[in-house]
Each structure stands twice: as C-alpha cells, then as structure tokens.
Amino acid sequence: MDIEARARAVRLLVLDVDGVLTDGRIVLPAAGDEIKCFHVRDGYGLVAVRRAGIEVAVISGRRSEAVTRRMGELGVRLLEQGIADKLAAFEELLRRLDIEPGMVGCVGDDTPDVPLLERAGFAIAVADAHEDARAAAHYVTRAAGGCGAVREVCDLLLAARRGAR
C-alpha cells in the first residue's frame, strides 16, 4: 500500500510527546514541573486534522502538566501519560474507539514507540528518530521532532483526504 492510501485511511492519529511534539529535550527547573517547548505549527495542524474528522490521541511514557495543558488548549481529549506499556494503552484505545489498526496513523521517535508503529496502518517516524523507529516506519518526516514534524504529518493526512499530495 502506498503512502497516500495509508494516509487516506487514517481516522485516528496517535502521537508520542518527547521527541515528536517536542525536540526531546527536558528542562528540569529547581522547582516546579518540567519545561517542554511545543511548535505552534504542530498545534495548528492538530486542530486542522481534528476539524477534518481525524481524532487525535497522545500516549506518552512520561507524565507532564505542560503536556496536559497544551493538549487541553488544542482540544485533544485522548491523553494517556505515564504509560509503561504503550502497546497495551494503544490496544485499549482501539477497543474504546472501536477502530481497526489500519485506520491509525502513529508518530514516534524511539524504541518504545516501535510496537505501536508496527501495529499502526500508517507508521511515521520523525526525521531525527532513532534508527529503530525509522526502520519500523512507512514514512519518515523531513522535519525533526518538535520542529514541525507533526504539522508535516497533519498536512499529509489532509492532502490525502483531498486526493492531492
């Protein structure tokens, strides 16, 4: 199946956070929650795909108030944080939404994301992903994680729905 067909089938976009929605760096101030930087264009892309009828979910190994806040701003309701077994969370999400794996696009950047990438109908790795994630991907973005990679994916999904690339 080609990239456009995989993208056209997506009804659920599942994202990792660190290294996908952020550049992977974590700033730990002396007091308070960790600091994460999100790219504004990624946020716009997520709003656009949600408006087009594609549900967005986040499955992250870490827990962060910054992620909760940002996803709330973007209207992303499916947020799983502090997840040790990402594949189990992914399977539960599929059951809850009654959706087939072939209808899922998944964006990851590292080894813990590989089981999800292998299960998703459209597996995507960010440009600076670990080689394990890139090897499991159907598509590798041109942009790095936290630097517009998610917007690139959103644009690809929307273009596939319009029948253009």
Protein backbone atom coordinates (compact mmCIF):
# COMPACT_ATOMS: atom_id res chain seq x y z
CA MET A 1 0.00 0.00 0.00
CA ASP A 2 1.39 3.41 -0.89
CA ILE A 3 1.80 6.37 1.47
CA GLU A 4 -1.19 8.28 0.12
CA ALA A 5 -3.50 5.28 0.57
CA ARG A 6 -2.22 4.72 4.12
CA ALA A 7 -2.71 8.40 4.91
CA ARG A 8 -6.21 8.46 3.40
CA ALA A 9 -7.27 5.56 5.66
CA VAL A 10 -6.30 7.35 8.90
CA ARG A 11 -9.17 8.13 11.29
CA LEU A 12 -7.04 8.29 14.45
CA LEU A 13 -3.63 9.95 14.82
CA VAL A 14 -1.61 8.70 17.81
CA LEU A 15 1.38 10.74 18.93
CA ASP A 16 4.27 10.36 21.32
CA VAL A 17 5.32 13.56 23.09
CA ASP A 18 9.06 13.77 23.83
CA GLY A 19 10.92 13.80 20.53
CA VAL A 20 7.72 14.11 18.46
CA LEU A 21 5.69 17.04 19.79
CA THR A 22 8.88 18.39 21.40
CA ASP A 23 12.51 18.29 20.36
CA GLY A 24 13.14 15.68 23.02
CA ARG A 25 14.92 17.94 25.49
CA ILE A 26 13.56 18.12 29.01
CA VAL A 27 14.38 21.13 31.17
CA LEU A 28 14.13 20.43 34.89
CA PRO A 29 13.99 23.67 36.89
CA ALA A 30 14.86 23.56 40.60
CA ALA A 31 11.18 23.90 41.48
CA GLY A 32 8.06 23.06 39.54
CA ASP A 33 7.13 20.95 36.57
CA GLU A 34 9.50 20.19 33.73
CA ILE A 35 9.58 22.62 30.84
CA LYS A 36 8.69 21.48 27.32
CA CYS A 37 8.64 23.50 24.11
CA PHE A 38 5.90 22.86 21.56
CA HIS A 39 5.92 24.14 17.99
CA VAL A 40 2.92 26.37 17.24
CA ARG A 41 2.56 24.99 13.70
CA ASP A 42 2.21 21.46 15.08
CA GLY A 43 -0.66 22.76 17.20
CA TYR A 44 -2.36 24.32 14.19
CA GLY A 45 -2.00 21.04 12.28
CA LEU A 46 -3.61 19.08 15.10
CA VAL A 47 -6.56 21.46 15.22
CA ALA A 48 -6.92 21.18 11.44
CA VAL A 49 -6.98 17.36 11.37
CA ARG A 50 -9.46 17.29 14.26
CA ARG A 51 -11.73 19.65 12.32
CA ALA A 52 -11.43 17.29 9.34
CA GLY A 53 -12.72 14.40 11.46
CA ILE A 54 -9.47 12.71 12.45
CA GLU A 55 -9.32 12.00 16.18
CA VAL A 56 -6.00 12.74 17.94
CA ALA A 57 -4.57 10.80 20.86
CA VAL A 58 -1.36 11.10 22.86
CA ILE A 59 0.38 8.15 24.50
CA SER A 60 3.46 9.19 26.48
CA GLY A 61 5.80 7.34 28.77
CA ARG A 62 6.25 10.46 30.89
CA ARG A 63 3.71 12.49 32.82
CA SER A 64 3.81 16.28 32.50
CA GLU A 65 1.47 19.10 33.43
CA ALA A 66 2.82 21.02 30.43
CA VAL A 67 1.53 18.28 28.11
CA THR A 68 -1.85 18.23 29.85
CA ARG A 69 -2.14 21.99 29.44
CA ARG A 70 -1.05 22.08 25.78
CA MET A 71 -3.28 19.21 24.73
CA GLY A 72 -6.18 20.89 26.55
CA GLU A 73 -5.55 24.08 24.58
CA LEU A 74 -5.70 22.06 21.36
CA GLY A 75 -8.82 20.10 22.32
CA VAL A 76 -7.01 16.75 22.43
CA ARG A 77 -9.09 14.71 24.87
CA LEU A 78 -7.43 11.32 24.43
CA LEU A 79 -4.36 11.78 26.60
CA GLU A 80 -2.53 8.90 28.25
CA GLN A 81 0.57 9.84 30.26
CA GLY A 82 2.98 7.89 32.45
CA ILE A 83 2.38 4.79 30.34
CA ALA A 84 4.89 1.97 30.83
CA ASP A 85 3.26 -0.34 28.27
CA LYS A 86 2.42 1.84 25.29
CA LEU A 87 1.15 -1.07 23.20
CA ALA A 88 -1.41 -2.05 25.87
CA ALA A 89 -2.60 1.58 26.01
CA PHE A 90 -2.78 1.64 22.21
CA GLU A 91 -4.85 -1.58 22.10
CA GLU A 92 -7.20 -0.26 24.79
CA LEU A 93 -7.65 2.95 22.79
CA LEU A 94 -8.55 0.93 19.68
CA ARG A 95 -11.11 -1.07 21.68
CA ARG A 96 -12.60 2.03 23.29
CA LEU A 97 -12.94 3.84 19.94
CA ASP A 98 -13.92 0.66 18.05
CA ILE A 99 -11.31 1.33 15.38
CA GLU A 100 -9.09 -1.02 13.36
CA PRO A 101 -5.27 -0.68 13.43
CA GLY A 102 -5.28 0.01 9.68
CA MET A 103 -7.15 3.25 10.38
CA VAL A 104 -4.47 4.55 12.74
CA GLY A 105 -1.54 6.79 11.96
CA CYS A 106 1.14 6.72 14.64
CA VAL A 107 4.10 9.09 15.03
CA GLY A 108 7.08 8.02 17.10
CA ASP A 109 10.76 8.70 17.56
CA ASP A 110 12.36 5.94 19.62
CA THR A 111 12.44 2.26 20.55
CA PRO A 112 9.45 2.38 22.98
CA ASP A 113 7.29 3.55 20.07
CA VAL A 114 8.21 0.66 17.75
CA PRO A 115 5.43 -1.74 18.88
CA LEU A 116 2.84 0.95 18.11
CA LEU A 117 4.46 1.75 14.77
CA GLU A 118 4.43 -1.94 13.85
CA ARG A 119 0.73 -2.20 14.72
CA ALA A 120 -0.49 1.03 13.06
CA GLY A 121 -1.69 1.13 9.47
CA PHE A 122 0.44 4.21 8.84
CA ALA A 123 3.68 4.29 10.83
CA ILE A 124 5.58 7.57 10.86
CA ALA A 125 8.95 8.45 12.35
CA VAL A 126 10.26 11.97 12.73
CA ALA A 127 13.41 12.88 10.80
CA ASP A 128 15.70 12.70 13.82
CA ALA A 129 14.16 9.48 15.19
CA HIS A 130 16.27 6.60 16.47
CA GLU A 131 17.08 4.06 13.77
CA ASP A 132 14.68 1.53 15.37
CA ALA A 133 11.73 3.86 14.82
CA ARG A 134 12.85 4.81 11.32
CA ALA A 135 13.16 1.12 10.38
CA ALA A 136 9.56 0.47 11.53
CA ALA A 137 8.13 3.48 9.68
CA HIS A 138 6.29 3.66 6.38
CA TYR A 139 7.15 7.35 6.22
CA VAL A 140 9.90 9.49 7.73
CA THR A 141 9.23 13.22 8.01
CA ARG A 142 11.58 15.85 6.64
CA ALA A 143 11.19 17.91 9.83
CA ALA A 144 12.64 16.89 13.16
CA GLY A 145 10.57 16.23 16.26
CA GLY A 146 9.36 19.45 17.87
CA CYS A 147 10.29 21.37 14.71
CA GLY A 148 7.17 20.97 12.60
CA ALA A 149 7.17 17.19 12.05
CA VAL A 150 3.63 16.83 13.38
CA ARG A 151 2.40 19.64 11.12
CA GLU A 152 4.03 17.85 8.18
CA VAL A 153 2.11 14.69 9.08
CA CYS A 154 -1.15 16.61 9.51
CA ASP A 155 -0.68 18.28 6.12
CA LEU A 156 -0.01 14.87 4.54
CA LEU A 157 -3.19 13.41 6.07
CA LEU A 158 -5.28 16.35 4.93
CA ALA A 159 -3.82 16.29 1.40
CA ALA A 160 -4.55 12.57 1.12
CA ARG A 161 -8.18 13.22 2.08
CA ARG A 162 -8.40 15.85 -0.66
CA GLY A 163 -6.83 13.42 -3.14
CA ALA A 164 -3.77 15.64 -3.67
CA ARG A 165 -0.25 15.30 -2.42
